[in-house]
Amino acid sequence: MRKALLIVLLAVLPLISFAQTSGIPQRLSIVSIETGSGDPDERIEVFNTPAEGQNHYYLSVGHLGFGDEVVQILFDPIFELFIPLGDSLSEAIETLENIQGLFNEEPGARMESQGCLAFGVPDGNLETVAITYTRFLGRMLVFSLEREGYIRSSHVSKSNFGSAVRGVKFYKKLHPKE
């Protein structure tokens, strides 16, 4: 009797596990670039989170520092800043190129975008993110948001951002139907 029950249980368990739908959002990386800041976890990434048959592309600029305009301390290794890029690769490339256009402006040039500070994957709680071009210790973009009087920001160098844009364009050439 025990053997028969064990055989039925082993036969039914795989069927039950395949019948479950996953509510966990997927994060499918398109391009990931280490920022070279010394911490291997610090990277910028362009990824796709498909939901209900629709793709949603995001730029992760990594973990944000905490402080003011001069001093930033990186203490939050959990939450990342996500910038929505669009629902197709063409929209994602266009948005990335618009952001990259800040490098052709004067230092201090700024634009605003929507973004979300969340754990693991974007959660839809969008807030205004300032993207500023600066030439402090090299050409870079500063992605920042203000909370409770403090500034939380992340810096991305021109070369790393350019590599991300080229990586997405190359990915589109490899996957023209996506």
Protein backbone atom coordinates (compact mmCIF):
# COMPACT_ATOMS: atom_id res chain seq x y z
CA MET A 1 0.00 0.00 0.00
CA ARG A 2 2.82 2.43 0.84
CA LYS A 3 4.57 1.75 -2.47
CA ALA A 4 1.38 2.39 -4.44
CA LEU A 5 0.74 5.66 -2.57
CA LEU A 6 4.36 6.75 -3.09
CA ILE A 7 4.21 5.96 -6.83
CA VAL A 8 0.96 7.93 -7.24
CA LEU A 9 2.39 10.84 -5.26
CA LEU A 10 5.57 10.89 -7.37
CA ALA A 11 3.51 10.78 -10.57
CA VAL A 12 1.15 13.61 -9.52
CA LEU A 13 3.70 16.04 -8.03
CA PRO A 14 5.32 17.03 -11.37
CA LEU A 15 1.90 17.64 -12.91
CA ILE A 16 0.85 19.88 -10.04
CA SER A 17 4.08 21.87 -10.15
CA PHE A 18 3.73 22.57 -13.88
CA ALA A 19 0.16 23.76 -13.41
CA GLN A 20 1.27 26.66 -11.20
CA THR A 21 1.57 30.10 -12.78
CA SER A 22 4.49 32.17 -11.65
CA GLY A 23 3.64 35.56 -10.20
CA ILE A 24 7.31 36.45 -9.94
CA PRO A 25 8.30 39.00 -12.59
CA GLN A 26 11.15 38.02 -14.88
CA ARG A 27 14.17 40.22 -15.52
CA LEU A 28 15.71 39.25 -18.87
CA SER A 29 19.04 41.04 -19.28
CA ILE A 30 19.86 42.48 -22.70
CA VAL A 31 23.14 44.16 -21.81
CA SER A 32 24.93 44.47 -18.47
CA ILE A 33 28.06 46.57 -17.96
CA GLU A 34 30.18 46.69 -14.81
CA THR A 35 30.86 50.30 -13.89
CA GLY A 36 34.44 49.65 -12.77
CA SER A 37 33.89 51.29 -9.39
CA GLY A 38 35.59 48.40 -7.65
CA ASP A 39 32.40 46.66 -6.56
CA PRO A 40 31.46 43.82 -8.95
CA ASP A 41 27.78 44.29 -8.04
CA GLU A 42 27.79 47.86 -9.36
CA ARG A 43 26.63 47.79 -12.95
CA ILE A 44 24.25 49.41 -15.37
CA GLU A 45 21.87 47.13 -17.15
CA VAL A 46 19.22 47.26 -19.84
CA PHE A 47 16.66 44.51 -19.40
CA ASN A 48 13.21 43.35 -20.41
CA THR A 49 10.36 42.37 -18.10
CA PRO A 50 7.69 40.66 -20.19
CA ALA A 51 4.20 40.78 -18.69
CA GLU A 52 0.99 39.50 -20.24
CA GLY A 53 2.56 39.17 -23.69
CA GLN A 54 3.99 42.71 -23.70
CA ASN A 55 7.66 43.61 -23.33
CA HIS A 56 8.71 46.42 -20.99
CA TYR A 57 12.30 47.66 -21.26
CA TYR A 58 14.15 49.35 -18.40
CA LEU A 59 17.54 50.86 -17.64
CA SER A 60 18.96 50.05 -14.22
CA VAL A 61 21.58 52.59 -13.16
CA GLY A 62 22.46 50.60 -10.06
CA HIS A 63 22.30 51.35 -6.38
CA LEU A 64 22.01 54.95 -5.25
CA GLY A 65 24.21 56.83 -2.86
CA PHE A 66 22.77 58.91 -0.05
CA GLY A 67 23.81 62.44 0.83
CA ASP A 68 23.85 65.87 -0.75
CA GLU A 69 25.21 67.42 -3.95
CA VAL A 70 28.83 67.06 -2.80
CA VAL A 71 29.09 63.91 -0.68
CA GLN A 72 27.36 60.62 -1.51
CA ILE A 73 27.73 57.48 0.60
CA LEU A 74 26.70 54.16 -0.93
CA PHE A 75 24.93 52.30 1.84
CA ASP A 76 21.86 50.78 0.18
CA PRO A 77 22.88 47.56 -1.60
CA ILE A 78 19.27 46.46 -2.10
CA PHE A 79 17.28 49.08 -4.00
CA GLU A 80 18.08 50.02 -7.61
CA LEU A 81 16.96 52.94 -9.73
CA PHE A 82 15.03 51.89 -12.85
CA ILE A 83 14.28 54.18 -15.79
CA PRO A 84 11.47 52.95 -18.10
CA LEU A 85 12.63 52.92 -21.73
CA GLY A 86 9.49 51.81 -23.56
CA ASP A 87 7.66 48.73 -24.75
CA SER A 88 9.79 47.93 -27.83
CA LEU A 89 13.48 47.85 -28.62
CA SER A 90 13.03 50.82 -30.97
CA GLU A 91 11.48 52.89 -28.17
CA ALA A 92 14.23 51.77 -25.78
CA ILE A 93 16.96 52.81 -28.21
CA GLU A 94 15.28 56.16 -28.85
CA THR A 95 15.01 56.88 -25.11
CA LEU A 96 18.64 55.85 -24.51
CA GLU A 97 19.80 58.08 -27.38
CA ASN A 98 17.81 61.02 -25.95
CA ILE A 99 19.56 60.56 -22.61
CA GLN A 100 22.91 60.10 -24.35
CA GLY A 101 22.33 63.43 -26.12
CA LEU A 102 23.11 65.18 -22.82
CA PHE A 103 26.79 64.44 -23.47
CA ASN A 104 26.62 66.88 -26.42
CA GLU A 105 25.39 69.70 -24.16
CA GLU A 106 27.27 71.95 -21.78
CA PRO A 107 28.11 70.56 -18.32
CA GLY A 108 25.16 71.14 -16.04
CA ALA A 109 22.61 70.32 -18.76
CA ARG A 110 19.69 68.51 -17.23
CA MET A 111 16.60 66.60 -18.20
CA GLU A 112 13.90 64.89 -16.18
CA SER A 113 12.53 61.40 -16.61
CA GLN A 114 10.32 59.05 -14.69
CA GLY A 115 11.98 56.34 -12.63
CA CYS A 116 11.38 53.98 -9.80
CA LEU A 117 13.52 53.02 -6.83
CA ALA A 118 12.70 49.39 -6.08
CA PHE A 119 14.08 46.00 -5.09
CA GLY A 120 14.95 43.60 -7.93
CA VAL A 121 12.40 44.66 -10.55
CA PRO A 122 10.48 47.90 -11.18
CA ASP A 123 7.28 48.10 -9.15
CA GLY A 124 5.43 50.86 -10.99
CA ASN A 125 5.81 53.53 -8.28
CA LEU A 126 7.23 56.20 -10.58
CA GLU A 127 8.78 59.45 -9.43
CA THR A 128 10.74 62.22 -11.12
CA VAL A 129 14.44 61.53 -11.69
CA ALA A 130 16.83 64.30 -12.67
CA ILE A 131 19.52 63.33 -15.18
CA THR A 132 22.41 65.81 -15.19
CA TYR A 133 25.52 65.92 -17.34
CA THR A 134 28.69 66.69 -15.39
CA ARG A 135 32.42 66.73 -16.08
CA PHE A 136 33.59 66.13 -12.50
CA LEU A 137 36.32 63.46 -12.70
CA GLY A 138 35.37 62.64 -16.28
CA ARG A 139 32.27 62.94 -18.41
CA MET A 140 29.31 61.34 -16.68
CA LEU A 141 25.58 61.39 -16.14
CA VAL A 142 24.19 61.77 -12.64
CA PHE A 143 20.82 60.11 -12.06
CA SER A 144 19.34 61.59 -8.90
CA LEU A 145 16.13 61.90 -6.98
CA GLU A 146 15.34 63.89 -3.89
CA ARG A 147 13.72 62.33 -0.85
CA GLU A 148 13.09 63.97 2.51
CA GLY A 149 15.65 66.71 1.84
CA TYR A 150 18.40 64.27 0.85
CA ILE A 151 19.68 63.51 -2.60
CA ARG A 152 20.04 59.91 -3.74
CA SER A 153 22.16 59.55 -6.86
CA SER A 154 24.13 57.26 -9.11
CA HIS A 155 26.85 58.20 -11.62
CA VAL A 156 27.35 56.60 -15.04
CA SER A 157 30.39 57.40 -17.16
CA LYS A 158 30.10 58.34 -20.82
CA SER A 159 31.93 55.19 -21.93
CA ASN A 160 29.73 52.86 -19.88
CA PHE A 161 26.54 54.54 -21.08
CA GLY A 162 27.74 54.46 -24.68
CA SER A 163 28.55 50.76 -24.34
CA ALA A 164 25.04 50.10 -23.06
CA VAL A 165 23.48 51.94 -26.01
CA ARG A 166 25.68 50.08 -28.52
CA GLY A 167 24.85 46.78 -26.79
CA VAL A 168 21.11 47.37 -27.13
CA LYS A 169 21.51 48.32 -30.81
CA PHE A 170 23.52 45.13 -31.42
CA TYR A 171 20.88 43.09 -29.58
CA LYS A 172 18.21 44.59 -31.86
CA LYS A 173 20.19 43.52 -34.93
CA LEU A 174 20.33 39.97 -33.56
CA HIS A 175 16.61 39.98 -32.65
CA PRO A 176 14.88 42.16 -35.28
CA LYS A 177 11.38 40.84 -34.52
CA GLU A 178 11.47 41.64 -30.80
